[in-house]
C-alpha atoms as a PDB file:
ATOM      1  CA  MET A   1     -28.949 -41.875 -15.650  1.00  0.00           C
ATOM      2  CA  LEU A   2     -29.521 -38.091 -15.473  1.00  0.00           C
ATOM      3  CA  LEU A   3     -30.970 -38.407 -11.928  1.00  0.00           C
ATOM      4  CA  GLN A   4     -27.683 -39.673 -10.980  1.00  0.00           C
ATOM      5  CA  GLU A   5     -25.525 -37.409 -12.797  1.00  0.00           C
ATOM      6  CA  ALA A   6     -27.720 -34.483 -11.305  1.00  0.00           C
ATOM      7  CA  SER A   7     -26.826 -35.858  -7.657  1.00  0.00           C
ATOM      8  CA  THR A   8     -23.168 -34.824  -7.776  1.00  0.00           C
ATOM      9  CA  SER A   9     -22.311 -32.406  -4.881  1.00  0.00           C
ATOM     10  CA  PHE A  10     -21.560 -28.995  -5.786  1.00  0.00           C
ATOM     11  CA  ASP A  11     -21.044 -27.619  -2.259  1.00  0.00           C
ATOM     12  CA  VAL A  12     -17.643 -26.302  -1.210  1.00  0.00           C
ATOM     13  CA  ARG A  13     -16.623 -29.770   0.268  1.00  0.00           C
ATOM     14  CA  GLY A  14     -17.653 -31.575  -2.612  1.00  0.00           C
ATOM     15  CA  MET A  15     -16.053 -29.247  -4.950  1.00  0.00           C
ATOM     16  CA  TRP A  16     -12.794 -29.306  -3.147  1.00  0.00           C
ATOM     17  CA  GLU A  17     -12.997 -33.254  -3.148  1.00  0.00           C
ATOM     18  CA  ASN A  18     -13.693 -33.249  -6.900  1.00  0.00           C
ATOM     19  CA  MET A  19     -10.425 -31.037  -7.774  1.00  0.00           C
ATOM     20  CA  GLY A  20      -7.218 -32.348  -8.943  1.00  0.00           C
ATOM     21  CA  TRP A  21      -4.157 -31.446  -7.147  1.00  0.00           C
ATOM     22  CA  ALA A  22      -2.979 -28.985  -9.673  1.00  0.00           C
ATOM     23  CA  ALA A  23      -6.432 -26.820  -9.080  1.00  0.00           C
ATOM     24  CA  LYS A  24      -6.060 -27.293  -5.171  1.00  0.00           C
ATOM     25  CA  LEU A  25      -2.307 -25.912  -5.422  1.00  0.00           C
ATOM     26  CA  VAL A  26      -4.076 -22.920  -7.494  1.00  0.00           C
ATOM     27  CA  VAL A  27      -6.607 -22.424  -4.562  1.00  0.00           C
ATOM     28  CA  ILE A  28      -4.218 -22.445  -1.968  1.00  0.00           C
ATOM     29  CA  LEU A  29      -1.730 -20.010  -3.774  1.00  0.00           C
ATOM     30  CA  LEU A  30      -4.775 -17.721  -4.455  1.00  0.00           C
ATOM     31  CA  PHE A  31      -5.589 -17.826  -0.829  1.00  0.00           C
ATOM     32  CA  PHE A  32      -2.245 -16.687   0.104  1.00  0.00           C
ATOM     33  CA  MET A  33      -2.372 -14.011  -1.989  1.00  0.00           C
ATOM     34  CA  SER A  34      -5.557 -12.953  -0.616  1.00  0.00           C
ATOM     35  CA  ALA A  35      -4.246 -13.319   2.766  1.00  0.00           C
ATOM     36  CA  TRP A  36      -0.896 -10.837   2.069  1.00  0.00           C
ATOM     37  CA  SER A  37      -3.239  -8.465   0.456  1.00  0.00           C
ATOM     38  CA  ILE A  38      -5.339  -8.013   3.315  1.00  0.00           C
ATOM     39  CA  GLY A  39      -2.704  -7.892   5.777  1.00  0.00           C
ATOM     40  CA  VAL A  40      -1.109  -5.028   3.489  1.00  0.00           C
ATOM     41  CA  MET A  41      -4.592  -3.315   3.206  1.00  0.00           C
ATOM     42  CA  ILE A  42      -5.207  -3.299   6.978  1.00  0.00           C
ATOM     43  CA  ASP A  43      -1.360  -2.301   7.563  1.00  0.00           C
ATOM     44  CA  ARG A  44      -1.543   0.608   5.202  1.00  0.00           C
ATOM     45  CA  ALA A  45      -5.042   1.795   6.314  1.00  0.00           C
ATOM     46  CA  ILE A  46      -3.802   2.129  10.055  1.00  0.00           C
ATOM     47  CA  ALA A  47      -0.635   3.796   9.026  1.00  0.00           C
ATOM     48  CA  TYR A  48      -2.220   6.332   6.814  1.00  0.00           C
ATOM     49  CA  ASN A  49      -4.990   7.252   9.487  1.00  0.00           C
ATOM     50  CA  GLY A  50      -2.552   7.516  11.973  1.00  0.00           C
ATOM     51  CA  ALA A  51      -0.368   9.997   9.797  1.00  0.00           C
ATOM     52  CA  ARG A  52      -3.334  11.795   9.038  1.00  0.00           C
ATOM     53  CA  LYS A  53      -4.545  12.185  12.475  1.00  0.00           C
ATOM     54  CA  GLN A  54      -1.166  12.887  14.113  1.00  0.00           C
ATOM     55  CA  SER A  55      -0.273  15.402  10.969  1.00  0.00           C
ATOM     56  CA  ARG A  56      -3.512  17.357  11.874  1.00  0.00           C
ATOM     57  CA  GLN A  57      -2.616  18.060  15.475  1.00  0.00           C
ATOM     58  CA  PHE A  58       1.188  18.472  14.554  1.00  0.00           C
ATOM     59  CA  ALA A  59       0.772  21.212  12.022  1.00  0.00           C
ATOM     60  CA  PRO A  60      -0.917  23.732  14.290  1.00  0.00           C
ATOM     61  CA  ALA A  61       1.380  22.999  17.223  1.00  0.00           C
ATOM     62  CA  VAL A  62       4.565  23.467  15.139  1.00  0.00           C
ATOM     63  CA  ALA A  63       3.641  26.621  13.704  1.00  0.00           C
ATOM     64  CA  GLY A  64       2.841  28.403  16.640  1.00  0.00           C
ATOM     65  CA  ALA A  65       6.485  27.278  18.044  1.00  0.00           C
ATOM     66  CA  LEU A  66       7.941  28.783  14.703  1.00  0.00           C
ATOM     67  CA  ARG A  67       6.253  32.032  15.051  1.00  0.00           C
ATOM     68  CA  GLU A  68       7.680  32.289  18.388  1.00  0.00           C
ATOM     69  CA  GLY A  69      11.173  31.453  17.031  1.00  0.00           C
ATOM     70  CA  LYS A  70      11.420  28.114  19.269  1.00  0.00           C
ATOM     71  CA  LEU A  71      13.222  25.796  16.810  1.00  0.00           C
ATOM     72  CA  ASP A  72      14.223  23.561  19.793  1.00  0.00           C
ATOM     73  CA  GLU A  73      10.684  23.399  21.054  1.00  0.00           C
ATOM     74  CA  ALA A  74       9.675  22.778  17.243  1.00  0.00           C
ATOM     75  CA  ILE A  75      11.881  19.794  17.064  1.00  0.00           C
ATOM     76  CA  LYS A  76      10.488  18.453  20.351  1.00  0.00           C
ATOM     77  CA  ILE A  77       6.960  18.406  19.019  1.00  0.00           C
ATOM     78  CA  ALA A  78       7.884  17.105  15.932  1.00  0.00           C
ATOM     79  CA  ASP A  79       9.450  14.101  17.563  1.00  0.00           C
ATOM     80  CA  ARG A  80       6.193  13.629  19.796  1.00  0.00           C
ATOM     81  CA  TYR A  81       4.355  12.928  16.348  1.00  0.00           C
ATOM     82  CA  SER A  82       6.449   9.834  14.980  1.00  0.00           C
ATOM     83  CA  LYS A  83       3.586   8.459  12.908  1.00  0.00           C
ATOM     84  CA  SER A  84       3.078  11.922  11.223  1.00  0.00           C
ATOM     85  CA  HIS A  85       4.328  12.059   7.615  1.00  0.00           C
ATOM     86  CA  LEU A  86       4.653  16.219   7.874  1.00  0.00           C
ATOM     87  CA  ALA A  87       6.628  15.576  11.163  1.00  0.00           C
ATOM     88  CA  LYS A  88       9.199  13.405   9.795  1.00  0.00           C
ATOM     89  CA  VAL A  89       9.689  15.690   6.969  1.00  0.00           C
ATOM     90  CA  VAL A  90       9.676  19.114   9.068  1.00  0.00           C
ATOM     91  CA  VAL A  91      12.296  17.654  11.545  1.00  0.00           C
ATOM     92  CA  ALA A  92      14.778  16.730   9.192  1.00  0.00           C
ATOM     93  CA  GLY A  93      14.640  20.295   7.735  1.00  0.00           C
ATOM     94  CA  LEU A  94      14.541  21.828  11.381  1.00  0.00           C
ATOM     95  CA  GLN A  95      17.402  19.845  12.531  1.00  0.00           C
ATOM     96  CA  GLU A  96      19.680  20.688   9.602  1.00  0.00           C
ATOM     97  CA  PHE A  97      18.772  24.530  10.121  1.00  0.00           C
ATOM     98  CA  ARG A  98      19.535  24.519  13.570  1.00  0.00           C
ATOM     99  CA  ALA A  99      22.993  22.910  13.075  1.00  0.00           C
ATOM    100  CA  HIS A 100      23.957  25.677  10.906  1.00  0.00           C
ATOM    101  CA  GLN A 101      22.705  28.210  13.015  1.00  0.00           C
ATOM    102  CA  LEU A 102      24.639  27.071  15.845  1.00  0.00           C
ATOM    103  CA  SER A 103      28.011  26.464  13.826  1.00  0.00           C
ATOM    104  CA  SER A 104      28.318  29.934  12.003  1.00  0.00           C
ATOM    105  CA  GLU A 105      26.466  32.482  10.191  1.00  0.00           C
ATOM    106  CA  ILE A 106      23.563  31.230   8.002  1.00  0.00           C
ATOM    107  CA  SER A 107      24.228  31.695   4.145  1.00  0.00           C
ATOM    108  CA  GLY A 108      22.457  30.736   1.026  1.00  0.00           C
ATOM    109  CA  GLU A 109      24.603  27.265   0.780  1.00  0.00           C
ATOM    110  CA  GLU A 110      22.919  26.283   4.460  1.00  0.00           C
ATOM    111  CA  ILE A 111      19.616  26.985   3.123  1.00  0.00           C
ATOM    112  CA  ASP A 112      20.219  24.698   0.232  1.00  0.00           C
ATOM    113  CA  ALA A 113      21.855  21.921   2.516  1.00  0.00           C
ATOM    114  CA  SER A 114      18.352  22.358   4.661  1.00  0.00           C
ATOM    115  CA  LYS A 115      16.430  21.906   1.422  1.00  0.00           C
ATOM    116  CA  ARG A 116      18.339  19.033   0.281  1.00  0.00           C
ATOM    117  CA  ALA A 117      17.575  17.444   4.089  1.00  0.00           C
ATOM    118  CA  LEU A 118      13.753  18.200   3.199  1.00  0.00           C
ATOM    119  CA  GLU A 119      13.922  16.519   0.072  1.00  0.00           C
ATOM    120  CA  ARG A 120      15.819  13.374   1.354  1.00  0.00           C
ATOM    121  CA  ALA A 121      13.228  13.174   4.080  1.00  0.00           C
ATOM    122  CA  GLU A 122      10.475  13.273   1.662  1.00  0.00           C
ATOM    123  CA  ALA A 123      11.928  10.471  -0.527  1.00  0.00           C
ATOM    124  CA  ILE A 124      12.425   8.107   2.728  1.00  0.00           C
ATOM    125  CA  VAL A 125       8.781   9.020   3.895  1.00  0.00           C
ATOM    126  CA  HIS A 126       7.347   8.384   0.451  1.00  0.00           C
ATOM    127  CA  ALA A 127       8.904   4.992   0.321  1.00  0.00           C
ATOM    128  CA  GLU A 128       7.666   4.219   3.928  1.00  0.00           C
ATOM    129  CA  LEU A 129       4.256   5.245   2.710  1.00  0.00           C
ATOM    130  CA  LYS A 130       4.422   3.158  -0.636  1.00  0.00           C
ATOM    131  CA  ARG A 131       5.570  -0.101   1.303  1.00  0.00           C
ATOM    132  CA  GLY A 132       3.487  -2.882   0.128  1.00  0.00           C
ATOM    133  CA  VAL A 133       1.246  -1.054  -1.973  1.00  0.00           C
ATOM    134  CA  SER A 134       2.940  -1.870  -5.398  1.00  0.00           C
ATOM    135  CA  GLY A 135       2.349  -5.566  -4.287  1.00  0.00           C
ATOM    136  CA  LEU A 136      -1.426  -4.990  -4.669  1.00  0.00           C
ATOM    137  CA  ALA A 137      -0.804  -3.973  -8.011  1.00  0.00           C
ATOM    138  CA  THR A 138       1.021  -7.260  -8.758  1.00  0.00           C
ATOM    139  CA  ILE A 139      -1.669  -9.124  -6.832  1.00  0.00           C
ATOM    140  CA  GLY A 140      -4.362  -7.214  -8.742  1.00  0.00           C
ATOM    141  CA  SER A 141      -2.624  -8.217 -12.217  1.00  0.00           C
ATOM    142  CA  THR A 142      -1.657 -11.806 -11.712  1.00  0.00           C
ATOM    143  CA  ALA A 143      -4.334 -13.211  -9.601  1.00  0.00           C
ATOM    144  CA  PRO A 144      -6.914 -13.571 -12.460  1.00  0.00           C
ATOM    145  CA  PHE A 145      -4.095 -15.207 -14.523  1.00  0.00           C
ATOM    146  CA  VAL A 146      -3.631 -17.723 -11.686  1.00  0.00           C
ATOM    147  CA  GLY A 147      -7.471 -18.273 -11.665  1.00  0.00           C
ATOM    148  CA  LEU A 148      -7.149 -18.806 -15.422  1.00  0.00           C
ATOM    149  CA  PHE A 149      -4.558 -21.473 -15.100  1.00  0.00           C
ATOM    150  CA  GLY A 150      -6.779 -23.398 -12.973  1.00  0.00           C
ATOM    151  CA  THR A 151      -9.477 -22.882 -15.154  1.00  0.00           C
ATOM    152  CA  VAL A 152      -7.282 -24.461 -17.988  1.00  0.00           C
ATOM    153  CA  VAL A 153      -6.470 -27.375 -15.644  1.00  0.00           C
ATOM    154  CA  GLY A 154     -10.363 -27.806 -14.721  1.00  0.00           C
ATOM    155  CA  ILE A 155     -11.070 -28.067 -18.573  1.00  0.00           C
ATOM    156  CA  ILE A 156      -8.186 -30.594 -18.968  1.00  0.00           C
ATOM    157  CA  HIS A 157      -9.802 -32.579 -16.230  1.00  0.00           C
ATOM    158  CA  ALA A 158     -13.167 -32.490 -17.388  1.00  0.00           C
ATOM    159  CA  PHE A 159     -11.749 -34.085 -20.801  1.00  0.00           C
ATOM    160  CA  GLN A 160     -10.114 -36.560 -19.021  1.00  0.00           C
ATOM    161  CA  GLY A 161     -13.294 -37.466 -17.253  1.00  0.00           C
ATOM    162  CA  ILE A 162     -15.160 -38.070 -20.491  1.00  0.00           C
ATOM    163  CA  ALA A 163     -12.273 -40.123 -21.835  1.00  0.00           C
ATOM    164  CA  THR A 164     -12.275 -42.007 -18.507  1.00  0.00           C
ATOM    165  CA  GLN A 165     -15.947 -42.772 -18.286  1.00  0.00           C
ATOM    166  CA  LYS A 166     -16.521 -42.959 -22.249  1.00  0.00           C
ATOM    167  CA  ALA A 167     -19.504 -40.833 -21.623  1.00  0.00           C
ATOM    168  CA  THR A 168     -20.411 -36.857 -22.058  1.00  0.00           C
ATOM    169  CA  GLY A 169     -22.947 -36.380 -19.312  1.00  0.00           C
ATOM    170  CA  LEU A 170     -22.969 -34.163 -16.322  1.00  0.00           C
ATOM    171  CA  GLY A 171     -21.245 -36.740 -14.103  1.00  0.00           C
ATOM    172  CA  ALA A 172     -18.345 -37.341 -16.421  1.00  0.00           C
ATOM    173  CA  VAL A 173     -17.338 -33.353 -16.493  1.00  0.00           C
ATOM    174  CA  ALA A 174     -18.814 -32.424 -13.123  1.00  0.00           C
ATOM    175  CA  GLY A 175     -15.591 -32.262 -11.384  1.00  0.00           C
ATOM    176  CA  GLY A 176     -13.462 -30.474 -14.241  1.00  0.00           C
ATOM    177  CA  ILE A 177     -16.369 -27.948 -14.367  1.00  0.00           C
ATOM    178  CA  SER A 178     -16.420 -27.212 -11.032  1.00  0.00           C
ATOM    179  CA  GLU A 179     -12.769 -26.709 -10.224  1.00  0.00           C
ATOM    180  CA  ALA A 180     -12.706 -24.514 -13.391  1.00  0.00           C
ATOM    181  CA  LEU A 181     -15.495 -21.993 -12.226  1.00  0.00           C
ATOM    182  CA  VAL A 182     -14.128 -22.209  -8.650  1.00  0.00           C
ATOM    183  CA  THR A 183     -10.703 -21.066  -9.620  1.00  0.00           C
ATOM    184  CA  THR A 184     -11.671 -18.711 -12.046  1.00  0.00           C
ATOM    185  CA  ALA A 185     -14.193 -17.037  -9.459  1.00  0.00           C
ATOM    186  CA  ILE A 186     -11.382 -17.131  -6.565  1.00  0.00           C
ATOM    187  CA  GLY A 187      -8.909 -15.444  -8.975  1.00  0.00           C
ATOM    188  CA  LEU A 188     -11.467 -12.368  -9.412  1.00  0.00           C
ATOM    189  CA  PHE A 189     -12.197 -12.333  -5.768  1.00  0.00           C
ATOM    190  CA  VAL A 190      -8.596 -11.934  -4.983  1.00  0.00           C
ATOM    191  CA  ALA A 191      -7.848  -9.449  -7.800  1.00  0.00           C
ATOM    192  CA  VAL A 192     -10.726  -7.131  -7.632  1.00  0.00           C
ATOM    193  CA  PRO A 193     -10.355  -5.915  -4.110  1.00  0.00           C
ATOM    194  CA  ALA A 194      -6.356  -5.547  -4.415  1.00  0.00           C
ATOM    195  CA  VAL A 195      -6.945  -3.220  -7.782  1.00  0.00           C
ATOM    196  CA  TRP A 196      -9.489  -1.128  -5.674  1.00  0.00           C
ATOM    197  CA  ALA A 197      -6.941  -0.835  -2.610  1.00  0.00           C
ATOM    198  CA  PHE A 198      -4.196  -0.109  -4.808  1.00  0.00           C
ATOM    199  CA  ASN A 199      -5.829   2.783  -6.415  1.00  0.00           C
ATOM    200  CA  TYR A 200      -7.128   4.249  -3.048  1.00  0.00           C
ATOM    201  CA  PHE A 201      -3.859   4.075  -1.294  1.00  0.00           C
ATOM    202  CA  THR A 202      -2.051   5.427  -4.439  1.00  0.00           C
ATOM    203  CA  ASN A 203      -4.430   8.567  -4.324  1.00  0.00           C
ATOM    204  CA  ARG A 204      -3.604   8.874  -0.440  1.00  0.00           C
ATOM    205  CA  ILE A 205       0.078   8.741  -1.026  1.00  0.00           C
ATOM    206  CA  ASP A 206      -0.157  11.338  -3.826  1.00  0.00           C
ATOM    207  CA  ALA A 207      -2.094  13.672  -1.320  1.00  0.00           C
ATOM    208  CA  PHE A 208       0.722  12.951   1.131  1.00  0.00           C
ATOM    209  CA  ASP A 209       3.419  13.811  -1.347  1.00  0.00           C
ATOM    210  CA  VAL A 210       1.497  17.334  -1.985  1.00  0.00           C
ATOM    211  CA  GLU A 211       1.227  17.956   1.717  1.00  0.00           C
ATOM    212  CA  MET A 212       4.883  17.083   2.460  1.00  0.00           C
ATOM    213  CA  GLY A 213       5.894  19.281  -0.502  1.00  0.00           C
ATOM    214  CA  ASN A 214       3.828  22.253   0.720  1.00  0.00           C
ATOM    215  CA  SER A 215       5.235  21.831   4.297  1.00  0.00           C
ATOM    216  CA  SER A 216       8.878  21.918   3.020  1.00  0.00           C
ATOM    217  CA  SER A 217       8.145  24.883   0.673  1.00  0.00           C
ATOM    218  CA  GLU A 218       6.800  26.845   3.763  1.00  0.00           C
ATOM    219  CA  LEU A 219       9.774  25.854   6.078  1.00  0.00           C
ATOM    220  CA  LEU A 220      12.112  27.105   3.488  1.00  0.00           C
ATOM    221  CA  ASP A 221      10.132  30.308   3.272  1.00  0.00           C
ATOM    222  CA  TYR A 222      10.597  30.638   7.201  1.00  0.00           C
ATOM    223  CA  PHE A 223      14.122  29.802   6.893  1.00  0.00           C
ATOM    224  CA  LEU A 224      14.800  32.605   4.470  1.00  0.00           C
ATOM    225  CA  LYS A 225      12.690  35.203   6.467  1.00  0.00           C
ATOM    226  CA  ARG A 226      14.292  34.287   9.487  1.00  0.00           C
ATOM    227  CA  VAL A 227      17.924  34.726   7.725  1.00  0.00           C
ATOM    228  CA  GLY A 228      16.573  38.056   6.414  1.00  0.00           C
ATOM    229  CA  ARG A 229      15.724  39.201   9.754  1.00  0.00           C
ATOM    230  CA  ALA A 230      18.893  38.068  11.187  1.00  0.00           C
ATOM    231  CA  SER A 231      20.845  39.953   8.517  1.00  0.00           C
ATOM    232  CA  ALA A 232      18.387  43.337   8.769  1.00  0.00           C
ATOM    233  CA  ALA A 233      19.400  43.194  12.434  1.00  0.00           C
ATOM    234  CA  LYS A 234      23.007  43.508  11.979  1.00  0.00           C
END
């Protein structure tokens, strides 16, 4: 009897066949959660690496154009680096400043308008950078509980096996125990990378926010200096 019980299959196919329909639904749900989180990780990694690479090229190029007072050239440079988070913010401030410069004499109100344009651009870019990242936190916090639900279902299945076979040996509980352990393991396997990725991406977003804030501050200083030089020339 013990030898027969010990021959119960615990390979992937055998455990899947021993699972009840509820445990199989849990595994399928966890699979989709894992696939979605992996997709977000790949998408955000590509987006952040592109933003970092283009921003490193954009910063010195636009700084040179601004030192020479070429606003139009600076805007054209920003348009070429569409993936750069810095370019998206800087171009908003430059366009607002240029619009006031062409229409009338620049005053403090126009500088404030440029500041608000920069703040709006920062908020928009922040939302773009954060897209999908909060979902990783949701998956990281809920996947273990989804796996725990499968664990409970597996234990119930094991007790049903005992009641059905009127026995307490391994063969009676093997199916339920296997699905309980598998769903728990899959839940943790899905949750842990999602939590790691969420923390990593959050730190990168914070760094991007600091860079955008510094760029906005430097651009406003440039506008003020330019207005001051124009006033002094008059």
